Amino acid sequence: MAAIVLTGMKGSRYEYLEKNALDTAYGVSGMVRERMQRDENDHTRRIAIGVVLCVLAAIPLFALLLWRGDDEWMGVLGISAILLLVAVGVHIIVKTSIPWGGYQMLLEQGDYSRALKRGNSKYSGIYWGIITAAYLAVSFLTNRWDMTWIFWPVAGVLYGVVVEIVKLKEK
């Protein structure tokens, strides 16, 4: 948890790259595009390996339980294997996604395109303000804090829909 907070604090000084249009110095875009093309196959391979490790992580547990299902240590060993394989898979995915995201940010591609930056800055504050107000209103009125947490994952998914609508509107 501390690593996430520290990384977030260090990265906050680069937040403007996500929100503002970028004008790179002469040759920078070409250099970034060249590195991105050079790393594309490696990035794709690493993402595939990470996903496969995460998906196949449950196999050791089932194999150990089928082999020696009556031994509770096999369950402990199987769960440890799951956690290890998922940790390695996620590590590989994160390690390759960080530089790839940097390339996309510098080249203003994908989630970092200028059109999305304009749309996000216009509507995201309004959207999240409404969601927060609705969450607090429902939670205080019903006193069902144990259930109203569902607002956040639903709002996150709906935000993707809102972004797509904004993209269509901008075109």
N, C-alpha and C. Protein backbone atom coordinates (compact mmCIF):
# COMPACT_ATOMS: atom_id res chain seq x y z
N MET A 1 0.82 -1.18 0.00
CA MET A 1 0.00 0.00 0.00
C MET A 1 0.87 1.25 0.00
N ALA A 2 1.94 1.22 0.79
CA ALA A 2 2.83 2.37 0.85
C ALA A 2 3.47 2.63 -0.51
N ALA A 3 3.80 1.55 -1.23
CA ALA A 3 4.42 1.71 -2.55
C ALA A 3 3.45 2.41 -3.51
N ILE A 4 2.18 2.09 -3.44
CA ILE A 4 1.18 2.72 -4.31
C ILE A 4 1.07 4.20 -4.00
N VAL A 5 1.03 4.55 -2.71
CA VAL A 5 0.93 5.95 -2.31
C VAL A 5 2.17 6.72 -2.76
N LEU A 6 3.34 6.16 -2.51
CA LEU A 6 4.59 6.84 -2.89
C LEU A 6 4.70 7.01 -4.40
N THR A 7 4.34 5.98 -5.16
CA THR A 7 4.38 6.07 -6.61
C THR A 7 3.39 7.11 -7.12
N GLY A 8 2.21 7.12 -6.53
CA GLY A 8 1.21 8.11 -6.91
C GLY A 8 1.68 9.53 -6.64
N MET A 9 2.34 9.72 -5.52
CA MET A 9 2.84 11.05 -5.17
C MET A 9 3.95 11.48 -6.13
N LYS A 10 4.83 10.56 -6.47
CA LYS A 10 5.91 10.89 -7.41
C LYS A 10 5.35 11.16 -8.81
N GLY A 11 4.33 10.42 -9.20
CA GLY A 11 3.76 10.56 -10.53
C GLY A 11 2.82 11.75 -10.67
N SER A 12 2.41 12.34 -9.55
CA SER A 12 1.44 13.44 -9.63
C SER A 12 2.00 14.65 -10.36
N ARG A 13 3.31 14.81 -10.38
CA ARG A 13 3.87 15.97 -11.08
C ARG A 13 3.78 15.82 -12.60
N TYR A 14 3.44 14.61 -13.07
CA TYR A 14 3.29 14.38 -14.51
C TYR A 14 1.82 14.27 -14.93
N GLU A 15 0.91 14.62 -14.01
CA GLU A 15 -0.52 14.54 -14.32
C GLU A 15 -0.92 15.38 -15.51
N TYR A 16 -0.23 16.47 -15.72
CA TYR A 16 -0.57 17.36 -16.84
C TYR A 16 -0.45 16.65 -18.18
N LEU A 17 0.40 15.61 -18.25
CA LEU A 17 0.54 14.86 -19.50
C LEU A 17 -0.76 14.14 -19.86
N GLU A 18 -1.54 13.78 -18.86
CA GLU A 18 -2.80 13.08 -19.10
C GLU A 18 -3.93 14.04 -19.47
N LYS A 19 -3.79 15.31 -19.11
CA LYS A 19 -4.91 16.23 -19.23
C LYS A 19 -4.72 17.31 -20.28
N ASN A 20 -3.49 17.69 -20.58
CA ASN A 20 -3.23 18.80 -21.50
C ASN A 20 -2.67 18.31 -22.82
N ALA A 21 -2.92 19.08 -23.87
CA ALA A 21 -2.34 18.76 -25.17
C ALA A 21 -0.82 18.92 -25.10
N LEU A 22 -0.10 18.06 -25.79
CA LEU A 22 1.36 18.08 -25.74
C LEU A 22 1.94 18.57 -27.06
N ASP A 23 2.93 19.40 -26.97
CA ASP A 23 3.72 19.81 -28.12
C ASP A 23 5.15 19.40 -27.82
N THR A 24 5.58 18.29 -28.40
CA THR A 24 6.91 17.77 -28.12
C THR A 24 7.96 18.49 -28.95
N ALA A 25 9.19 18.45 -28.48
CA ALA A 25 10.29 19.06 -29.20
C ALA A 25 10.53 18.30 -30.50
N TYR A 26 11.25 18.95 -31.41
CA TYR A 26 11.53 18.36 -32.72
C TYR A 26 12.20 17.00 -32.55
N GLY A 27 11.64 15.98 -33.19
CA GLY A 27 12.22 14.65 -33.21
C GLY A 27 11.78 13.73 -32.09
N VAL A 28 11.17 14.29 -31.06
CA VAL A 28 10.78 13.46 -29.91
C VAL A 28 9.67 12.47 -30.31
N SER A 29 8.67 12.94 -31.03
CA SER A 29 7.58 12.04 -31.43
C SER A 29 8.10 10.91 -32.31
N GLY A 30 9.01 11.22 -33.21
CA GLY A 30 9.59 10.19 -34.07
C GLY A 30 10.37 9.17 -33.27
N MET A 31 11.14 9.64 -32.29
CA MET A 31 11.91 8.73 -31.46
C MET A 31 10.98 7.83 -30.64
N VAL A 32 9.93 8.41 -30.07
CA VAL A 32 8.98 7.63 -29.26
C VAL A 32 8.26 6.61 -30.14
N ARG A 33 7.83 7.03 -31.33
CA ARG A 33 7.15 6.13 -32.26
C ARG A 33 8.07 4.97 -32.65
N GLU A 34 9.33 5.26 -32.86
CA GLU A 34 10.32 4.22 -33.22
C GLU A 34 10.48 3.22 -32.08
N ARG A 35 10.60 3.73 -30.85
CA ARG A 35 10.73 2.82 -29.70
C ARG A 35 9.46 1.99 -29.50
N MET A 36 8.32 2.62 -29.72
CA MET A 36 7.05 1.91 -29.57
C MET A 36 6.96 0.77 -30.57
N GLN A 37 7.34 1.02 -31.82
CA GLN A 37 7.33 -0.03 -32.84
C GLN A 37 8.33 -1.12 -32.49
N ARG A 38 9.49 -0.73 -31.97
CA ARG A 38 10.52 -1.70 -31.60
C ARG A 38 10.02 -2.61 -30.48
N ASP A 39 9.28 -2.04 -29.53
CA ASP A 39 8.83 -2.79 -28.36
C ASP A 39 7.48 -3.48 -28.53
N GLU A 40 6.81 -3.26 -29.67
CA GLU A 40 5.44 -3.74 -29.83
C GLU A 40 5.32 -5.26 -29.69
N ASN A 41 6.18 -6.02 -30.36
CA ASN A 41 6.10 -7.48 -30.28
C ASN A 41 6.38 -7.98 -28.87
N ASP A 42 7.38 -7.38 -28.23
CA ASP A 42 7.74 -7.76 -26.87
C ASP A 42 6.59 -7.44 -25.91
N HIS A 43 5.97 -6.27 -26.09
CA HIS A 43 4.84 -5.87 -25.24
C HIS A 43 3.68 -6.85 -25.40
N THR A 44 3.35 -7.20 -26.64
CA THR A 44 2.25 -8.12 -26.90
C THR A 44 2.54 -9.49 -26.28
N ARG A 45 3.77 -9.96 -26.44
CA ARG A 45 4.16 -11.25 -25.88
C ARG A 45 4.06 -11.24 -24.36
N ARG A 46 4.53 -10.18 -23.73
CA ARG A 46 4.49 -10.11 -22.27
C ARG A 46 3.06 -10.02 -21.74
N ILE A 47 2.22 -9.26 -22.41
CA ILE A 47 0.81 -9.19 -21.99
C ILE A 47 0.19 -10.59 -22.08
N ALA A 48 0.46 -11.29 -23.18
CA ALA A 48 -0.09 -12.64 -23.36
C ALA A 48 0.40 -13.58 -22.26
N ILE A 49 1.69 -13.52 -21.95
CA ILE A 49 2.25 -14.39 -20.90
C ILE A 49 1.60 -14.07 -19.56
N GLY A 50 1.47 -12.78 -19.23
CA GLY A 50 0.86 -12.39 -17.97
C GLY A 50 -0.57 -12.85 -17.84
N VAL A 51 -1.33 -12.69 -18.91
CA VAL A 51 -2.74 -13.11 -18.89
C VAL A 51 -2.83 -14.63 -18.77
N VAL A 52 -2.00 -15.35 -19.51
CA VAL A 52 -2.03 -16.82 -19.45
C VAL A 52 -1.67 -17.30 -18.04
N LEU A 53 -0.68 -16.67 -17.41
CA LEU A 53 -0.33 -17.06 -16.04
C LEU A 53 -1.50 -16.83 -15.09
N CYS A 54 -2.18 -15.72 -15.24
CA CYS A 54 -3.32 -15.43 -14.36
C CYS A 54 -4.47 -16.41 -14.60
N VAL A 55 -4.72 -16.75 -15.86
CA VAL A 55 -5.83 -17.66 -16.18
C VAL A 55 -5.51 -19.08 -15.73
N LEU A 56 -4.29 -19.51 -15.93
CA LEU A 56 -3.92 -20.88 -15.59
C LEU A 56 -3.54 -21.06 -14.13
N ALA A 57 -3.59 -20.00 -13.35
CA ALA A 57 -3.15 -20.06 -11.95
C ALA A 57 -3.93 -21.06 -11.11
N ALA A 58 -5.18 -21.33 -11.46
CA ALA A 58 -6.01 -22.24 -10.66
C ALA A 58 -5.68 -23.71 -10.90
N ILE A 59 -5.00 -24.02 -11.98
CA ILE A 59 -4.72 -25.42 -12.32
C ILE A 59 -3.94 -26.14 -11.23
N PRO A 60 -2.88 -25.55 -10.66
CA PRO A 60 -2.16 -26.28 -9.61
C PRO A 60 -3.05 -26.67 -8.42
N LEU A 61 -3.96 -25.79 -8.03
CA LEU A 61 -4.86 -26.12 -6.91
C LEU A 61 -5.71 -27.34 -7.25
N PHE A 62 -6.34 -27.31 -8.42
CA PHE A 62 -7.18 -28.45 -8.81
C PHE A 62 -6.37 -29.73 -8.97
N ALA A 63 -5.19 -29.62 -9.53
CA ALA A 63 -4.34 -30.80 -9.71
C ALA A 63 -3.94 -31.40 -8.36
N LEU A 64 -3.55 -30.53 -7.43
CA LEU A 64 -3.15 -31.03 -6.11
C LEU A 64 -4.34 -31.62 -5.36
N LEU A 65 -5.50 -31.01 -5.50
CA LEU A 65 -6.68 -31.54 -4.80
C LEU A 65 -7.15 -32.86 -5.41
N LEU A 66 -7.01 -33.00 -6.73
CA LEU A 66 -7.36 -34.29 -7.35
C LEU A 66 -6.36 -35.37 -6.96
N TRP A 67 -5.12 -34.99 -6.83
CA TRP A 67 -4.07 -35.95 -6.51
C TRP A 67 -4.15 -36.38 -5.06
N ARG A 68 -4.27 -35.38 -4.14
CA ARG A 68 -4.32 -35.69 -2.71
C ARG A 68 -5.34 -34.80 -2.03
N GLY A 69 -6.60 -34.94 -2.41
CA GLY A 69 -7.66 -34.08 -1.92
C GLY A 69 -7.92 -34.16 -0.44
N ASP A 70 -7.52 -35.27 0.18
CA ASP A 70 -7.79 -35.44 1.61
C ASP A 70 -6.76 -34.73 2.49
N ASP A 71 -5.68 -34.25 1.90
CA ASP A 71 -4.62 -33.58 2.65
C ASP A 71 -4.82 -32.07 2.58
N GLU A 72 -5.08 -31.44 3.74
CA GLU A 72 -5.35 -29.99 3.73
C GLU A 72 -4.12 -29.19 3.34
N TRP A 73 -2.94 -29.75 3.49
CA TRP A 73 -1.73 -29.03 3.08
C TRP A 73 -1.65 -28.89 1.57
N MET A 74 -2.31 -29.78 0.85
CA MET A 74 -2.36 -29.66 -0.60
C MET A 74 -3.18 -28.42 -1.00
N GLY A 75 -4.22 -28.15 -0.24
CA GLY A 75 -5.01 -26.95 -0.47
C GLY A 75 -4.20 -25.69 -0.20
N VAL A 76 -3.45 -25.70 0.88
CA VAL A 76 -2.59 -24.56 1.22
C VAL A 76 -1.53 -24.37 0.13
N LEU A 77 -0.94 -25.47 -0.29
CA LEU A 77 0.07 -25.41 -1.35
C LEU A 77 -0.53 -24.92 -2.66
N GLY A 78 -1.74 -25.39 -2.97
CA GLY A 78 -2.41 -24.98 -4.20
C GLY A 78 -2.76 -23.49 -4.20
N ILE A 79 -3.25 -23.00 -3.08
CA ILE A 79 -3.58 -21.58 -2.98
C ILE A 79 -2.31 -20.74 -3.05
N SER A 80 -1.24 -21.22 -2.44
CA SER A 80 0.05 -20.51 -2.54
C SER A 80 0.51 -20.44 -3.99
N ALA A 81 0.32 -21.53 -4.73
CA ALA A 81 0.69 -21.54 -6.15
C ALA A 81 -0.16 -20.55 -6.94
N ILE A 82 -1.45 -20.48 -6.63
CA ILE A 82 -2.33 -19.51 -7.29
C ILE A 82 -1.81 -18.10 -7.06
N LEU A 83 -1.56 -17.78 -5.81
CA LEU A 83 -1.10 -16.43 -5.48
C LEU A 83 0.23 -16.11 -6.15
N LEU A 84 1.12 -17.07 -6.18
CA LEU A 84 2.42 -16.85 -6.81
C LEU A 84 2.28 -16.63 -8.32
N LEU A 85 1.50 -17.47 -8.98
CA LEU A 85 1.32 -17.33 -10.44
C LEU A 85 0.60 -16.04 -10.81
N VAL A 86 -0.41 -15.67 -10.03
CA VAL A 86 -1.11 -14.41 -10.30
C VAL A 86 -0.17 -13.23 -10.05
N ALA A 87 0.62 -13.30 -8.99
CA ALA A 87 1.56 -12.21 -8.70
C ALA A 87 2.57 -12.05 -9.82
N VAL A 88 3.11 -13.14 -10.32
CA VAL A 88 4.08 -13.08 -11.42
C VAL A 88 3.40 -12.56 -12.68
N GLY A 89 2.20 -13.05 -12.98
CA GLY A 89 1.47 -12.59 -14.16
C GLY A 89 1.16 -11.10 -14.11
N VAL A 90 0.67 -10.63 -12.98
CA VAL A 90 0.36 -9.21 -12.83
C VAL A 90 1.62 -8.38 -12.90
N HIS A 91 2.69 -8.86 -12.31
CA HIS A 91 3.97 -8.13 -12.37
C HIS A 91 4.43 -7.96 -13.82
N ILE A 92 4.33 -9.01 -14.60
CA ILE A 92 4.72 -8.93 -16.02
C ILE A 92 3.84 -7.94 -16.77
N ILE A 93 2.53 -8.00 -16.52
CA ILE A 93 1.60 -7.08 -17.20
C ILE A 93 1.90 -5.63 -16.82
N VAL A 94 2.08 -5.37 -15.54
CA VAL A 94 2.34 -3.99 -15.09
C VAL A 94 3.68 -3.50 -15.61
N LYS A 95 4.69 -4.37 -15.57
CA LYS A 95 6.03 -3.97 -16.01
C LYS A 95 6.06 -3.59 -17.49
N THR A 96 5.27 -4.22 -18.30
CA THR A 96 5.24 -3.88 -19.73
C THR A 96 4.25 -2.77 -20.03
N SER A 97 3.21 -2.63 -19.21
CA SER A 97 2.18 -1.62 -19.48
C SER A 97 2.62 -0.21 -19.12
N ILE A 98 3.50 -0.07 -18.17
CA ILE A 98 3.93 1.28 -17.77
C ILE A 98 4.67 1.99 -18.91
N PRO A 99 5.72 1.39 -19.51
CA PRO A 99 6.35 2.10 -20.63
C PRO A 99 5.42 2.25 -21.83
N TRP A 100 4.56 1.25 -22.08
CA TRP A 100 3.63 1.33 -23.21
C TRP A 100 2.67 2.49 -23.01
N GLY A 101 2.18 2.66 -21.79
CA GLY A 101 1.32 3.79 -21.48
C GLY A 101 2.05 5.11 -21.65
N GLY A 102 3.33 5.12 -21.32
CA GLY A 102 4.14 6.33 -21.53
C GLY A 102 4.25 6.67 -23.01
N TYR A 103 4.46 5.65 -23.83
CA TYR A 103 4.50 5.90 -25.28
C TYR A 103 3.18 6.49 -25.77
N GLN A 104 2.08 5.87 -25.33
CA GLN A 104 0.76 6.36 -25.76
C GLN A 104 0.52 7.79 -25.26
N MET A 105 0.96 8.07 -24.06
CA MET A 105 0.76 9.41 -23.50
C MET A 105 1.55 10.44 -24.31
N LEU A 106 2.81 10.15 -24.63
CA LEU A 106 3.64 11.10 -25.37
C LEU A 106 3.18 11.28 -26.81
N LEU A 107 2.63 10.20 -27.39
CA LEU A 107 2.15 10.29 -28.77
C LEU A 107 0.67 10.68 -28.84
N GLU A 108 0.05 10.85 -27.69
CA GLU A 108 -1.37 11.21 -27.60
C GLU A 108 -2.24 10.22 -28.37
N GLN A 109 -2.10 8.96 -28.01
CA GLN A 109 -2.87 7.88 -28.63
C GLN A 109 -3.80 7.26 -27.59
N GLY A 110 -4.80 6.54 -28.06
CA GLY A 110 -5.69 5.79 -27.17
C GLY A 110 -6.39 6.69 -26.17
N ASP A 111 -6.27 6.35 -24.91
CA ASP A 111 -6.93 7.11 -23.85
C ASP A 111 -6.35 8.51 -23.69
N TYR A 112 -5.23 8.79 -24.31
CA TYR A 112 -4.57 10.08 -24.15
C TYR A 112 -4.69 10.97 -25.39
N SER A 113 -5.63 10.64 -26.28
CA SER A 113 -5.81 11.46 -27.48
C SER A 113 -6.32 12.84 -27.09
N ARG A 114 -6.06 13.82 -27.93
CA ARG A 114 -6.47 15.19 -27.62
C ARG A 114 -7.98 15.31 -27.49
N ALA A 115 -8.71 14.59 -28.32
CA ALA A 115 -10.18 14.65 -28.25
C ALA A 115 -10.67 14.13 -26.90
N LEU A 116 -10.09 13.04 -26.43
CA LEU A 116 -10.49 12.50 -25.13
C LEU A 116 -10.09 13.43 -24.00
N LYS A 117 -8.91 14.04 -24.11
CA LYS A 117 -8.49 14.97 -23.07
C LYS A 117 -9.47 16.13 -22.96
N ARG A 118 -9.91 16.66 -24.10
CA ARG A 118 -10.88 17.75 -24.07
C ARG A 118 -12.20 17.28 -23.47
N GLY A 119 -12.67 16.12 -23.92
CA GLY A 119 -13.94 15.61 -23.43
C GLY A 119 -13.88 15.25 -21.96
N ASN A 120 -12.79 14.61 -21.54
CA ASN A 120 -12.66 14.21 -20.14
C ASN A 120 -12.63 15.42 -19.23
N SER A 121 -11.89 16.45 -19.63
CA SER A 121 -11.78 17.60 -18.75
C SER A 121 -13.11 18.33 -18.64
N LYS A 122 -13.92 18.32 -19.68
CA LYS A 122 -15.21 19.02 -19.66
C LYS A 122 -16.23 18.30 -18.78
N TYR A 123 -16.30 17.00 -18.91
CA TYR A 123 -17.42 16.26 -18.34
C TYR A 123 -17.08 15.41 -17.12
N SER A 124 -15.83 15.09 -16.89
CA SER A 124 -15.52 14.15 -15.80
C SER A 124 -15.83 14.74 -14.43
N GLY A 125 -15.55 16.01 -14.24
CA GLY A 125 -15.86 16.63 -12.95
C GLY A 125 -17.35 16.63 -12.66
N ILE A 126 -18.14 16.92 -13.69
CA ILE A 126 -19.60 16.92 -13.53
C ILE A 126 -20.08 15.50 -13.23
N TYR A 127 -19.59 14.54 -14.01
CA TYR A 127 -20.02 13.14 -13.84
C TYR A 127 -19.70 12.64 -12.43
N TRP A 128 -18.44 12.77 -12.02
CA TRP A 128 -18.04 12.23 -10.72
C TRP A 128 -18.66 13.01 -9.57
N GLY A 129 -18.93 14.29 -9.77
CA GLY A 129 -19.63 15.07 -8.76
C GLY A 129 -21.05 14.55 -8.54
N ILE A 130 -21.74 14.27 -9.63
CA ILE A 130 -23.11 13.72 -9.54
C ILE A 130 -23.10 12.35 -8.89
N ILE A 131 -22.15 11.51 -9.29
CA ILE A 131 -22.06 10.16 -8.70
C ILE A 131 -21.79 10.23 -7.21
N THR A 132 -20.87 11.11 -6.81
CA THR A 132 -20.55 11.24 -5.38
C THR A 132 -21.75 11.75 -4.60
N ALA A 133 -22.45 12.75 -5.14
CA ALA A 133 -23.64 13.27 -4.46
C ALA A 133 -24.72 12.20 -4.34
N ALA A 134 -24.94 11.44 -5.41
CA ALA A 134 -25.95 10.37 -5.37
C ALA A 134 -25.57 9.30 -4.35
N TYR A 135 -24.29 8.92 -4.35
CA TYR A 135 -23.81 7.91 -3.40
C TYR A 135 -24.04 8.37 -1.96
N LEU A 136 -23.64 9.60 -1.67
CA LEU A 136 -23.80 10.10 -0.30
C LEU A 136 -25.27 10.23 0.07
N ALA A 137 -26.10 10.72 -0.85
CA ALA A 137 -27.52 10.87 -0.56
C ALA A 137 -28.16 9.52 -0.26
N VAL A 138 -27.94 8.55 -1.13
CA VAL A 138 -28.53 7.23 -0.92
C VAL A 138 -27.99 6.58 0.36
N SER A 139 -26.70 6.70 0.58
CA SER A 139 -26.09 6.08 1.77
C SER A 139 -26.61 6.68 3.06
N PHE A 140 -26.70 8.01 3.12
CA PHE A 140 -27.20 8.65 4.33
C PHE A 140 -28.69 8.39 4.55
N LEU A 141 -29.46 8.43 3.46
CA LEU A 141 -30.90 8.23 3.60
C LEU A 141 -31.26 6.80 3.97
N THR A 142 -30.55 5.84 3.42
CA THR A 142 -30.88 4.43 3.69
C THR A 142 -30.04 3.83 4.81
N ASN A 143 -28.93 4.48 5.12
CA ASN A 143 -27.98 3.96 6.12
C ASN A 143 -27.53 2.54 5.77
N ARG A 144 -27.44 2.26 4.47
CA ARG A 144 -27.01 0.95 3.99
C ARG A 144 -25.63 1.05 3.36
N TRP A 145 -24.68 1.52 4.13
CA TRP A 145 -23.31 1.70 3.62
C TRP A 145 -22.72 0.38 3.16
N ASP A 146 -23.22 -0.72 3.73
CA ASP A 146 -22.73 -2.04 3.34
C ASP A 146 -23.17 -2.42 1.93
N MET A 147 -24.19 -1.74 1.40
CA MET A 147 -24.69 -2.06 0.06
C MET A 147 -24.36 -0.97 -0.96
N THR A 148 -24.25 0.27 -0.52
CA THR A 148 -24.11 1.37 -1.47
C THR A 148 -22.72 1.47 -2.09
N TRP A 149 -21.77 0.69 -1.62
CA TRP A 149 -20.45 0.67 -2.24
C TRP A 149 -20.55 0.30 -3.72
N ILE A 150 -21.63 -0.37 -4.09
CA ILE A 150 -21.82 -0.81 -5.47
C ILE A 150 -21.88 0.37 -6.44
N PHE A 151 -22.16 1.58 -5.93
CA PHE A 151 -22.15 2.77 -6.77
C PHE A 151 -20.83 2.89 -7.53
N TRP A 152 -19.71 2.63 -6.85
CA TRP A 152 -18.40 2.93 -7.44
C TRP A 152 -18.03 2.02 -8.60
N PRO A 153 -18.16 0.69 -8.50
CA PRO A 153 -17.86 -0.11 -9.69
C PRO A 153 -18.83 0.15 -10.84
N VAL A 154 -20.11 0.36 -10.50
CA VAL A 154 -21.08 0.66 -11.56
C VAL A 154 -20.75 2.00 -12.21
N ALA A 155 -20.41 3.00 -11.40
CA ALA A 155 -20.05 4.32 -11.93
C ALA A 155 -18.80 4.24 -12.81
N GLY A 156 -17.85 3.40 -12.41
CA GLY A 156 -16.65 3.24 -13.22
C GLY A 156 -16.94 2.67 -14.59
N VAL A 157 -17.81 1.67 -14.63
CA VAL A 157 -18.20 1.07 -15.92
C VAL A 157 -19.00 2.07 -16.74
N LEU A 158 -19.92 2.76 -16.11
CA LEU A 158 -20.73 3.75 -16.82
C LEU A 158 -19.88 4.91 -17.32
N TYR A 159 -18.80 5.22 -16.62
CA TYR A 159 -17.93 6.30 -17.07
C TYR A 159 -17.35 5.98 -18.45
N GLY A 160 -17.03 4.72 -18.67
CA GLY A 160 -16.56 4.30 -20.00
C GLY A 160 -17.61 4.58 -21.06
N VAL A 161 -18.87 4.35 -20.73
CA VAL A 161 -19.97 4.63 -21.66
C VAL A 161 -20.06 6.13 -21.92
N VAL A 162 -19.94 6.92 -20.86
CA VAL A 162 -20.00 8.38 -21.00
C VAL A 162 -18.87 8.87 -21.89
N VAL A 163 -17.66 8.34 -21.69
CA VAL A 163 -16.52 8.74 -22.52
C VAL A 163 -16.77 8.41 -23.98
N GLU A 164 -17.33 7.24 -24.26
CA GLU A 164 -17.63 6.86 -25.64
C GLU A 164 -18.68 7.78 -26.25
N ILE A 165 -19.68 8.15 -25.47
CA ILE A 165 -20.71 9.08 -25.95
C ILE A 165 -20.08 10.43 -26.27
N VAL A 166 -19.20 10.89 -25.39
CA VAL A 166 -18.50 12.18 -25.63
C VAL A 166 -17.66 12.09 -26.90
N LYS A 167 -16.99 10.95 -27.10
CA LYS A 167 -16.19 10.78 -28.32
C LYS A 167 -17.06 10.87 -29.57
N LEU A 168 -18.22 10.20 -29.53
CA LEU A 168 -19.13 10.26 -30.67
C LEU A 168 -19.64 11.68 -30.90
N LYS A 169 -19.94 12.37 -29.82
CA LYS A 169 -20.44 13.74 -29.92
C LYS A 169 -19.37 14.67 -30.50
N GLU A 170 -18.12 14.45 -30.10
CA GLU A 170 -17.02 15.29 -30.57
C GLU A 170 -16.79 15.11 -32.07
N LYS A 171 -17.04 13.90 -32.57
CA LYS A 171 -16.84 13.64 -34.00
C LYS A 171 -17.94 14.28 -34.78
